[in-house]
């Protein structure tokens, strides 16, 4: 389980439900990363390294790109024309706040470079409208619940 951020293209006047339905309907239709996303990826990677430090980058032909940070669990993925960031429910308290701060910063960077909007499905709104406290409450609450249920 992870805290997820989706990067979506939204036309003015389009509701978020319409955006999500369109994204779901076309998911997996494009196996190849569009040229503009490949160009954005080249700009994102060095900036992400500056933000996160040591990251692992995996590139598979023209189909996928992945940037992962082992300390936080943050993972930025591009599959075809789909872009997302995930972070596992590992963190609570101050650590959750620090990790989510990095998640918000990386999301802003991806938005800037791709022109897509970061959407937070946990609260069903754009990430820019999600308060850090709201995200931290979700991260900490789910992590605590999982630990209580399964140990750890």
C-alpha atoms as a PDB file:
ATOM      1  CA  UNK A   1       0.000   0.000   0.000  1.00  0.00           C
ATOM      2  CA  UNK A   2       1.240   3.451  -0.806  1.00  0.00           C
ATOM      3  CA  UNK A   3       0.411   7.134  -0.786  1.00  0.00           C
ATOM      4  CA  UNK A   4      -0.042   7.858  -4.488  1.00  0.00           C
ATOM      5  CA  UNK A   5       0.115  10.971  -6.629  1.00  0.00           C
ATOM      6  CA  UNK A   6      -1.095  10.908 -10.241  1.00  0.00           C
ATOM      7  CA  UNK A   7      -0.066  13.465 -12.837  1.00  0.00           C
ATOM      8  CA  UNK A   8      -2.964  14.316 -15.100  1.00  0.00           C
ATOM      9  CA  UNK A   9      -3.833  16.593 -17.967  1.00  0.00           C
ATOM     10  CA  UNK A  10      -6.904  18.712 -17.283  1.00  0.00           C
ATOM     11  CA  UNK A  11      -8.705  20.956 -19.748  1.00  0.00           C
ATOM     12  CA  UNK A  12     -10.247  24.130 -18.321  1.00  0.00           C
ATOM     13  CA  UNK A  13     -13.803  23.452 -17.203  1.00  0.00           C
ATOM     14  CA  UNK A  14     -13.248  19.708 -16.962  1.00  0.00           C
ATOM     15  CA  UNK A  15     -14.159  18.173 -13.604  1.00  0.00           C
ATOM     16  CA  UNK A  16     -11.675  15.965 -11.769  1.00  0.00           C
ATOM     17  CA  UNK A  17     -14.116  13.056 -12.123  1.00  0.00           C
ATOM     18  CA  UNK A  18     -14.032  13.540 -15.906  1.00  0.00           C
ATOM     19  CA  UNK A  19     -10.228  13.739 -15.872  1.00  0.00           C
ATOM     20  CA  UNK A  20      -9.962  10.529 -13.829  1.00  0.00           C
ATOM     21  CA  UNK A  21     -12.488   8.706 -16.021  1.00  0.00           C
ATOM     22  CA  UNK A  22     -10.591   9.725 -19.161  1.00  0.00           C
ATOM     23  CA  UNK A  23      -7.267   8.629 -17.643  1.00  0.00           C
ATOM     24  CA  UNK A  24      -8.767   5.304 -16.607  1.00  0.00           C
ATOM     25  CA  UNK A  25     -10.311   4.756 -20.045  1.00  0.00           C
ATOM     26  CA  UNK A  26      -6.998   5.318 -21.819  1.00  0.00           C
ATOM     27  CA  UNK A  27      -4.708   3.631 -19.254  1.00  0.00           C
ATOM     28  CA  UNK A  28      -2.280   1.340 -21.004  1.00  0.00           C
ATOM     29  CA  UNK A  29      -3.196   2.585 -24.488  1.00  0.00           C
ATOM     30  CA  UNK A  30       0.241   4.108 -25.063  1.00  0.00           C
ATOM     31  CA  UNK A  31       3.190   1.732 -24.595  1.00  0.00           C
ATOM     32  CA  UNK A  32       5.751   4.327 -25.641  1.00  0.00           C
ATOM     33  CA  UNK A  33       6.690   7.385 -23.613  1.00  0.00           C
ATOM     34  CA  UNK A  34       5.834  10.520 -25.631  1.00  0.00           C
ATOM     35  CA  UNK A  35       8.823  12.628 -26.697  1.00  0.00           C
ATOM     36  CA  UNK A  36       7.804  15.565 -24.481  1.00  0.00           C
ATOM     37  CA  UNK A  37       7.767  13.306 -21.394  1.00  0.00           C
ATOM     38  CA  UNK A  38      11.174  11.878 -22.308  1.00  0.00           C
ATOM     39  CA  UNK A  39      12.528  15.415 -22.561  1.00  0.00           C
ATOM     40  CA  UNK A  40      10.926  16.326 -19.223  1.00  0.00           C
ATOM     41  CA  UNK A  41      12.450  13.181 -17.664  1.00  0.00           C
ATOM     42  CA  UNK A  42      15.921  14.378 -18.654  1.00  0.00           C
ATOM     43  CA  UNK A  43      15.276  17.643 -16.801  1.00  0.00           C
ATOM     44  CA  UNK A  44      13.601  15.989 -13.803  1.00  0.00           C
ATOM     45  CA  UNK A  45      16.313  13.440 -12.921  1.00  0.00           C
ATOM     46  CA  UNK A  46      19.118  15.880 -12.004  1.00  0.00           C
ATOM     47  CA  UNK A  47      16.692  18.075 -10.049  1.00  0.00           C
ATOM     48  CA  UNK A  48      15.317  15.030  -8.208  1.00  0.00           C
ATOM     49  CA  UNK A  49      18.875  14.054  -7.283  1.00  0.00           C
ATOM     50  CA  UNK A  50      19.379  17.544  -5.881  1.00  0.00           C
ATOM     51  CA  UNK A  51      16.213  17.168  -3.818  1.00  0.00           C
ATOM     52  CA  UNK A  52      16.506  13.545  -2.675  1.00  0.00           C
ATOM     53  CA  UNK A  53      20.203  12.755  -2.908  1.00  0.00           C
ATOM     54  CA  UNK A  54      21.221   9.290  -4.057  1.00  0.00           C
ATOM     55  CA  UNK A  55      18.519   7.757  -6.272  1.00  0.00           C
ATOM     56  CA  UNK A  56      18.344   4.691  -8.474  1.00  0.00           C
ATOM     57  CA  UNK A  57      17.231   5.309 -12.046  1.00  0.00           C
ATOM     58  CA  UNK A  58      15.941   2.566 -14.314  1.00  0.00           C
ATOM     59  CA  UNK A  59      15.180   3.200 -17.969  1.00  0.00           C
ATOM     60  CA  UNK A  60      13.587   0.544 -20.168  1.00  0.00           C
ATOM     61  CA  UNK A  61      13.785   1.418 -23.849  1.00  0.00           C
ATOM     62  CA  UNK A  62      11.011   3.868 -24.819  1.00  0.00           C
ATOM     63  CA  UNK A  63       8.455   2.271 -22.483  1.00  0.00           C
ATOM     64  CA  UNK A  64       9.276   3.188 -18.898  1.00  0.00           C
ATOM     65  CA  UNK A  65      11.371   5.259 -16.537  1.00  0.00           C
ATOM     66  CA  UNK A  66      11.680   4.846 -12.790  1.00  0.00           C
ATOM     67  CA  UNK A  67      13.440   6.895 -10.132  1.00  0.00           C
ATOM     68  CA  UNK A  68      13.523   5.468  -6.622  1.00  0.00           C
ATOM     69  CA  UNK A  69      14.896   6.711  -3.331  1.00  0.00           C
ATOM     70  CA  UNK A  70      15.558   3.851  -0.939  1.00  0.00           C
ATOM     71  CA  UNK A  71      15.678   5.914   2.278  1.00  0.00           C
ATOM     72  CA  UNK A  72      12.163   7.341   1.884  1.00  0.00           C
ATOM     73  CA  UNK A  73      10.626   4.774  -0.466  1.00  0.00           C
ATOM     74  CA  UNK A  74       9.639   7.552  -2.874  1.00  0.00           C
ATOM     75  CA  UNK A  75       9.243   6.208  -6.407  1.00  0.00           C
ATOM     76  CA  UNK A  76       8.628   8.324  -9.519  1.00  0.00           C
ATOM     77  CA  UNK A  77       7.437   6.283 -12.495  1.00  0.00           C
ATOM     78  CA  UNK A  78       6.648   6.948 -16.122  1.00  0.00           C
ATOM     79  CA  UNK A  79       4.940   4.144 -18.053  1.00  0.00           C
ATOM     80  CA  UNK A  80       3.924   5.183 -21.529  1.00  0.00           C
ATOM     81  CA  UNK A  81       2.089   8.449 -20.975  1.00  0.00           C
ATOM     82  CA  UNK A  82       1.249   7.743 -17.300  1.00  0.00           C
ATOM     83  CA  UNK A  83       3.228   9.538 -14.583  1.00  0.00           C
ATOM     84  CA  UNK A  84       2.945   8.834 -10.872  1.00  0.00           C
ATOM     85  CA  UNK A  85       4.755   9.094  -7.560  1.00  0.00           C
ATOM     86  CA  UNK A  86       4.274   6.596  -4.765  1.00  0.00           C
ATOM     87  CA  UNK A  87       5.615   6.347  -1.239  1.00  0.00           C
ATOM     88  CA  UNK A  88       4.870   3.311   0.918  1.00  0.00           C
ATOM     89  CA  UNK A  89       3.075   3.665   4.215  1.00  0.00           C
ATOM     90  CA  UNK A  90       6.243   3.323   6.322  1.00  0.00           C
ATOM     91  CA  UNK A  91       6.347   6.688   8.059  1.00  0.00           C
ATOM     92  CA  UNK A  92       4.679   8.384  11.037  1.00  0.00           C
ATOM     93  CA  UNK A  93       5.110  11.660  12.914  1.00  0.00           C
ATOM     94  CA  UNK A  94       8.080  13.874  12.072  1.00  0.00           C
ATOM     95  CA  UNK A  95       9.445  11.313   9.626  1.00  0.00           C
ATOM     96  CA  UNK A  96       6.139  11.311   7.718  1.00  0.00           C
ATOM     97  CA  UNK A  97       6.268  15.120   7.601  1.00  0.00           C
ATOM     98  CA  UNK A  98       9.820  15.084   6.222  1.00  0.00           C
ATOM     99  CA  UNK A  99       9.067  12.429   3.600  1.00  0.00           C
ATOM    100  CA  UNK A 100       5.848  14.117   2.520  1.00  0.00           C
ATOM    101  CA  UNK A 101       7.725  17.425   2.256  1.00  0.00           C
ATOM    102  CA  UNK A 102      10.005  15.727  -0.272  1.00  0.00           C
ATOM    103  CA  UNK A 103       6.992  14.190  -2.021  1.00  0.00           C
ATOM    104  CA  UNK A 104       5.346  17.627  -2.351  1.00  0.00           C
ATOM    105  CA  UNK A 105       8.595  19.188  -3.628  1.00  0.00           C
ATOM    106  CA  UNK A 106       9.186  16.401  -6.163  1.00  0.00           C
ATOM    107  CA  UNK A 107       5.567  16.673  -7.303  1.00  0.00           C
ATOM    108  CA  UNK A 108       5.953  20.415  -7.879  1.00  0.00           C
ATOM    109  CA  UNK A 109       9.098  19.754  -9.879  1.00  0.00           C
ATOM    110  CA  UNK A 110       7.300  17.153 -12.046  1.00  0.00           C
ATOM    111  CA  UNK A 111       4.376  19.538 -12.559  1.00  0.00           C
ATOM    112  CA  UNK A 112       6.742  22.310 -13.653  1.00  0.00           C
ATOM    113  CA  UNK A 113       8.641  20.113 -16.102  1.00  0.00           C
ATOM    114  CA  UNK A 114       5.700  18.161 -17.589  1.00  0.00           C
ATOM    115  CA  UNK A 115       2.859  20.685 -17.486  1.00  0.00           C
ATOM    116  CA  UNK A 116       0.694  18.015 -15.838  1.00  0.00           C
ATOM    117  CA  UNK A 117      -1.214  18.529 -12.587  1.00  0.00           C
ATOM    118  CA  UNK A 118      -0.418  16.487  -9.477  1.00  0.00           C
ATOM    119  CA  UNK A 119      -3.622  14.879  -8.192  1.00  0.00           C
ATOM    120  CA  UNK A 120      -3.928  13.339  -4.728  1.00  0.00           C
ATOM    121  CA  UNK A 121      -6.470  10.485  -4.876  1.00  0.00           C
ATOM    122  CA  UNK A 122      -6.345  10.013  -1.106  1.00  0.00           C
ATOM    123  CA  UNK A 123      -8.188  13.315  -0.641  1.00  0.00           C
ATOM    124  CA  UNK A 124      -9.627  13.521  -4.175  1.00  0.00           C
ATOM    125  CA  UNK A 125      -8.164  16.915  -5.072  1.00  0.00           C
ATOM    126  CA  UNK A 126      -5.081  18.443  -6.679  1.00  0.00           C
ATOM    127  CA  UNK A 127      -1.989  18.122  -4.520  1.00  0.00           C
ATOM    128  CA  UNK A 128      -1.635  21.914  -4.513  1.00  0.00           C
ATOM    129  CA  UNK A 129      -4.929  22.038  -2.573  1.00  0.00           C
ATOM    130  CA  UNK A 130      -3.906  19.282  -0.146  1.00  0.00           C
ATOM    131  CA  UNK A 131      -2.471  20.584   3.095  1.00  0.00           C
ATOM    132  CA  UNK A 132       0.740  18.985   4.341  1.00  0.00           C
ATOM    133  CA  UNK A 133      -1.065  18.307   7.641  1.00  0.00           C
ATOM    134  CA  UNK A 134      -3.838  16.483   5.814  1.00  0.00           C
ATOM    135  CA  UNK A 135      -1.336  14.301   3.951  1.00  0.00           C
ATOM    136  CA  UNK A 136       0.664  13.675   7.139  1.00  0.00           C
ATOM    137  CA  UNK A 137      -2.462  12.635   9.003  1.00  0.00           C
ATOM    138  CA  UNK A 138      -3.311  10.115   6.297  1.00  0.00           C
ATOM    139  CA  UNK A 139       0.273   8.795   6.062  1.00  0.00           C
ATOM    140  CA  UNK A 140       0.668   8.442   9.832  1.00  0.00           C
ATOM    141  CA  UNK A 141      -2.822   7.026  10.348  1.00  0.00           C
ATOM    142  CA  UNK A 142      -2.560   4.348   7.670  1.00  0.00           C
ATOM    143  CA  UNK A 143       0.989   3.414   8.730  1.00  0.00           C
ATOM    144  CA  UNK A 144      -0.077   3.061  12.364  1.00  0.00           C
ATOM    145  CA  UNK A 145      -3.131   1.025  11.364  1.00  0.00           C
ATOM    146  CA  UNK A 146      -1.035  -1.330   9.203  1.00  0.00           C
ATOM    147  CA  UNK A 147       1.520  -1.783  11.983  1.00  0.00           C
ATOM    148  CA  UNK A 148      -1.251  -2.538  14.478  1.00  0.00           C
ATOM    149  CA  UNK A 149      -2.815  -5.073  12.139  1.00  0.00           C
ATOM    150  CA  UNK A 150       0.298  -6.779  10.804  1.00  0.00           C
ATOM    151  CA  UNK A 151       3.114  -5.851  13.198  1.00  0.00           C
ATOM    152  CA  UNK A 152       6.274  -4.008  12.369  1.00  0.00           C
END
